[in-house]
Amino acid sequence: MTRAFEELFGVPDAFRGIPMAGRTDAWILADAAAIHGIPSDSPSLARFPDVYLRHLAIEITRKASNAAGSPARFGIMPGVRELLDALVNRKNVFLALLTGNYERGARLKLEHFDLWRYFRCGAFGDNAPDRNGLMPRALARVADCGDSFEAADAVVIGDTPLDIACAKAGGARSIGVATGSHGVDELRAAGADVVFEDLSDTSAILRAMRVEGLQFAD
């Protein structure tokens, strides 16, 4: 995002000091534009997602080619694929994405790790400055995909307090996972129903989701 912003507006390190964890890409971009005095109707802002995605593809390729020296967060977090494998074929589960990423950005990231195929649809941050507005969109998209359920039956799994707040605002349950920049205590304080260090204990996650009809894990 930093490289794309500099290419379009000539402003280096434009996102310094702007919080990113859990926020939508559109929200982050709007904050940077405001800070640097760029009008919200600037044609270059409309071009930003395309330029960003070009730089994102380059960055993913670069990190993949130097995987041994890449930061620990470049890769699949513990237990993610195992959990998706456990859920994807269950008739009482519908897997969907709810992310602040631009849709094409989310797809680019997840396809690189062969995770995109698990999700039939979702809600994305392309035009969502308000993260809490994503939950109704996600439920509507799931309904369009041929399934429907109440928000109270949804479970949001996320690694930031904003993910937890999004679930609460939408009436869904939440599972916090401390594999990001927020620890277990922060996610509990944010109101997560259950918090795990990571997703490596698939059975415990399934119990917490009540997929097997059990109560939340301790």
Protein backbone atom coordinates (compact mmCIF):
# COMPACT_ATOMS: atom_id res chain seq x y z
CA MET A 1 0.00 0.00 0.00
CA THR A 2 2.89 2.33 0.80
CA ARG A 3 4.50 1.77 -2.58
CA ALA A 4 1.22 2.27 -4.42
CA PHE A 5 0.52 5.52 -2.58
CA GLU A 6 3.99 6.86 -3.35
CA GLU A 7 3.66 5.91 -7.01
CA LEU A 8 0.34 7.72 -7.33
CA PHE A 9 0.89 10.74 -5.09
CA GLY A 10 4.63 11.03 -4.56
CA VAL A 11 4.24 10.71 -0.78
CA PRO A 12 6.71 8.30 0.85
CA ASP A 13 5.76 6.28 3.92
CA ALA A 14 2.23 7.64 3.66
CA PHE A 15 0.69 5.18 6.13
CA ARG A 16 3.07 5.84 9.01
CA GLY A 17 1.05 6.11 12.22
CA ILE A 18 -2.19 4.94 10.61
CA PRO A 19 -3.55 1.81 12.38
CA MET A 20 -4.22 -1.06 10.01
CA ALA A 21 -5.00 -4.20 12.02
CA GLY A 22 -8.62 -5.20 11.51
CA ARG A 23 -9.55 -2.13 9.48
CA THR A 24 -10.81 -2.14 5.89
CA ASP A 25 -8.52 -1.21 3.03
CA ALA A 26 -10.96 1.53 2.02
CA TRP A 27 -10.88 2.94 5.56
CA ILE A 28 -7.08 2.92 5.70
CA LEU A 29 -6.81 4.61 2.31
CA ALA A 30 -9.35 7.28 3.25
CA ASP A 31 -7.35 8.12 6.39
CA ALA A 32 -4.11 8.44 4.41
CA ALA A 33 -5.78 10.62 1.79
CA ALA A 34 -7.19 12.92 4.46
CA ILE A 35 -3.86 13.24 6.27
CA HIS A 36 -2.02 14.12 3.07
CA GLY A 37 -4.64 16.52 1.73
CA ILE A 38 -5.84 14.42 -1.20
CA PRO A 39 -9.47 15.13 -2.20
CA SER A 40 -11.82 12.19 -1.79
CA ASP A 41 -12.89 12.57 -5.44
CA SER A 42 -9.32 12.39 -6.77
CA PRO A 43 -9.19 10.11 -9.87
CA SER A 44 -5.93 8.71 -8.56
CA LEU A 45 -7.69 7.40 -5.45
CA ALA A 46 -9.98 5.41 -7.73
CA ARG A 47 -6.86 3.95 -9.35
CA PHE A 48 -5.30 3.01 -6.03
CA PRO A 49 -6.68 -0.55 -5.73
CA ASP A 50 -5.27 -1.55 -9.14
CA VAL A 51 -1.84 -0.09 -8.39
CA TYR A 52 -1.86 -1.63 -4.91
CA LEU A 53 -2.75 -5.07 -6.28
CA ARG A 54 0.12 -4.88 -8.76
CA HIS A 55 2.56 -4.15 -5.93
CA LEU A 56 0.95 -6.83 -3.74
CA ALA A 57 1.50 -9.49 -6.40
CA ILE A 58 5.14 -8.47 -6.68
CA GLU A 59 5.57 -8.57 -2.89
CA ILE A 60 3.99 -12.02 -2.56
CA THR A 61 6.25 -13.38 -5.28
CA ARG A 62 9.30 -11.79 -3.68
CA LYS A 63 8.53 -13.21 -0.25
CA ALA A 64 7.72 -16.63 -1.67
CA SER A 65 11.07 -16.76 -3.43
CA ASN A 66 12.85 -15.87 -0.19
CA ALA A 67 10.62 -17.87 2.15
CA ALA A 68 13.46 -18.96 4.41
CA GLY A 69 14.21 -15.37 5.33
CA SER A 70 10.66 -14.06 5.33
CA PRO A 71 8.93 -12.76 8.45
CA ALA A 72 7.09 -15.39 10.47
CA ARG A 73 3.70 -13.97 9.48
CA PHE A 74 4.26 -14.81 5.80
CA GLY A 75 2.58 -18.18 5.64
CA ILE A 76 -0.41 -20.10 6.95
CA MET A 77 -1.02 -19.74 10.67
CA PRO A 78 -1.08 -22.99 12.73
CA GLY A 79 -4.21 -25.09 12.34
CA VAL A 80 -5.89 -22.98 9.65
CA ARG A 81 -5.91 -25.56 6.87
CA GLU A 82 -6.80 -28.39 9.23
CA LEU A 83 -9.78 -26.43 10.54
CA LEU A 84 -10.98 -25.57 7.04
CA ASP A 85 -10.65 -29.20 6.00
CA ALA A 86 -12.73 -30.20 9.02
CA LEU A 87 -15.46 -27.70 8.16
CA VAL A 88 -15.67 -27.52 4.39
CA ASN A 89 -17.77 -30.64 3.81
CA ARG A 90 -20.09 -30.33 6.82
CA LYS A 91 -23.71 -29.87 5.79
CA ASN A 92 -24.43 -27.68 8.81
CA VAL A 93 -21.58 -25.25 8.08
CA PHE A 94 -21.21 -22.52 5.46
CA LEU A 95 -17.72 -21.10 5.11
CA ALA A 96 -17.54 -17.45 4.05
CA LEU A 97 -14.95 -14.71 4.20
CA LEU A 98 -15.49 -11.50 6.13
CA THR A 99 -12.43 -9.34 5.59
CA GLY A 100 -11.41 -5.73 5.33
CA ASN A 101 -9.21 -6.58 2.34
CA TYR A 102 -10.18 -5.59 -1.16
CA GLU A 103 -11.79 -8.67 -2.69
CA ARG A 104 -9.11 -9.06 -5.35
CA GLY A 105 -6.42 -8.60 -2.71
CA ALA A 106 -7.93 -11.27 -0.50
CA ARG A 107 -8.14 -13.62 -3.43
CA LEU A 108 -4.53 -12.95 -4.43
CA LYS A 109 -3.29 -13.69 -0.93
CA LEU A 110 -5.41 -16.79 -0.34
CA GLU A 111 -4.89 -18.32 -3.78
CA HIS A 112 -1.15 -18.17 -3.19
CA PHE A 113 -1.62 -20.50 -0.21
CA ASP A 114 -4.41 -22.56 -1.83
CA LEU A 115 -7.01 -21.33 0.67
CA TRP A 116 -9.39 -19.38 -1.58
CA ARG A 117 -11.12 -22.58 -2.74
CA TYR A 118 -12.61 -23.17 0.71
CA PHE A 119 -14.86 -20.11 0.54
CA ARG A 120 -17.92 -19.79 -1.69
CA CYS A 121 -18.45 -16.08 -1.09
CA GLY A 122 -18.03 -13.32 1.46
CA ALA A 123 -17.97 -9.62 2.29
CA PHE A 124 -14.95 -7.46 1.54
CA GLY A 125 -13.58 -4.01 2.29
CA ASP A 126 -13.72 -2.46 -1.17
CA ASN A 127 -16.41 0.05 -0.28
CA ALA A 128 -16.74 -0.38 3.45
CA PRO A 129 -15.22 2.39 5.55
CA ASP A 130 -17.20 0.99 8.49
CA ARG A 131 -15.89 -2.45 9.40
CA ASN A 132 -19.05 -3.17 11.40
CA GLY A 133 -21.10 -2.89 8.22
CA LEU A 134 -19.53 -6.06 6.83
CA MET A 135 -21.54 -8.52 8.91
CA PRO A 136 -24.92 -7.75 7.27
CA ARG A 137 -23.23 -7.81 3.88
CA ALA A 138 -21.71 -11.20 4.59
CA LEU A 139 -25.08 -12.66 5.59
CA ALA A 140 -26.67 -11.19 2.46
CA ARG A 141 -23.95 -12.66 0.25
CA VAL A 142 -24.37 -16.07 1.88
CA ALA A 143 -28.09 -15.89 1.17
CA ASP A 144 -27.31 -15.05 -2.46
CA CYS A 145 -25.07 -18.11 -2.57
CA GLY A 146 -28.03 -20.31 -1.66
CA ASP A 147 -27.91 -20.54 2.12
CA SER A 148 -29.28 -18.37 4.88
CA PHE A 149 -29.18 -18.21 8.66
CA GLU A 150 -29.53 -15.72 11.47
CA ALA A 151 -26.62 -13.64 12.67
CA ALA A 152 -26.84 -15.38 16.06
CA ASP A 153 -25.88 -18.63 14.31
CA ALA A 154 -22.77 -17.09 12.73
CA VAL A 155 -19.29 -17.32 14.25
CA VAL A 156 -16.62 -14.78 13.36
CA ILE A 157 -13.03 -15.92 13.81
CA GLY A 158 -10.59 -13.02 13.94
CA ASP A 159 -7.31 -11.81 15.38
CA THR A 160 -8.09 -8.16 16.21
CA PRO A 161 -10.46 -6.32 18.56
CA LEU A 162 -12.15 -4.84 15.49
CA ASP A 163 -13.04 -8.35 14.31
CA ILE A 164 -14.64 -8.99 17.68
CA ALA A 165 -16.47 -5.65 17.57
CA CYS A 166 -17.77 -6.47 14.08
CA ALA A 167 -19.21 -9.75 15.34
CA LYS A 168 -20.83 -8.08 18.35
CA ALA A 169 -22.32 -5.27 16.25
CA GLY A 170 -23.80 -7.82 13.86
CA GLY A 171 -25.19 -10.09 16.58
CA ALA A 172 -22.78 -12.95 15.88
CA ARG A 173 -20.59 -14.97 18.21
CA SER A 174 -16.81 -14.55 18.03
CA ILE A 175 -13.63 -16.55 18.48
CA GLY A 176 -10.43 -14.58 18.99
CA VAL A 177 -7.13 -16.06 17.84
CA ALA A 178 -3.92 -14.46 19.09
CA THR A 179 -1.74 -15.07 16.04
CA GLY A 180 -1.73 -11.40 15.04
CA SER A 181 -0.59 -8.26 16.82
CA HIS A 182 -3.13 -8.61 19.66
CA GLY A 183 -2.69 -11.01 22.55
CA VAL A 184 -5.14 -13.26 24.35
CA ASP A 185 -5.90 -10.71 27.06
CA GLU A 186 -6.65 -7.96 24.53
CA LEU A 187 -9.05 -10.17 22.60
CA ARG A 188 -10.80 -11.24 25.80
CA ALA A 189 -11.10 -7.60 26.87
CA ALA A 190 -12.63 -6.81 23.48
CA GLY A 191 -15.44 -9.24 24.28
CA ALA A 192 -14.55 -12.38 22.34
CA ASP A 193 -16.67 -15.34 23.43
CA VAL A 194 -13.64 -17.63 23.32
CA VAL A 195 -9.94 -16.92 22.71
CA PHE A 196 -7.20 -19.29 21.55
CA GLU A 197 -3.46 -18.80 21.15
CA ASP A 198 -3.83 -20.27 17.65
CA LEU A 199 -6.12 -22.65 15.75
CA SER A 200 -4.00 -25.76 16.13
CA ASP A 201 -6.47 -27.63 18.36
CA THR A 202 -9.13 -28.39 15.76
CA SER A 203 -11.42 -30.29 18.15
CA ALA A 204 -11.43 -27.41 20.64
CA ILE A 205 -12.26 -24.93 17.88
CA LEU A 206 -15.14 -27.09 16.67
CA ARG A 207 -16.51 -27.29 20.19
CA ALA A 208 -16.20 -23.53 20.56
CA MET A 209 -18.11 -23.07 17.31
CA ARG A 210 -20.77 -25.47 18.60
CA VAL A 211 -20.46 -27.35 15.34
CA GLU A 212 -20.88 -30.57 17.31
CA GLY A 213 -23.70 -29.18 19.41
CA LEU A 214 -21.50 -28.62 22.45
CA GLN A 215 -21.10 -25.54 24.60
CA PHE A 216 -18.24 -23.10 24.30
CA ALA A 217 -14.85 -24.34 25.43
CA ASP A 218 -13.29 -22.79 28.52
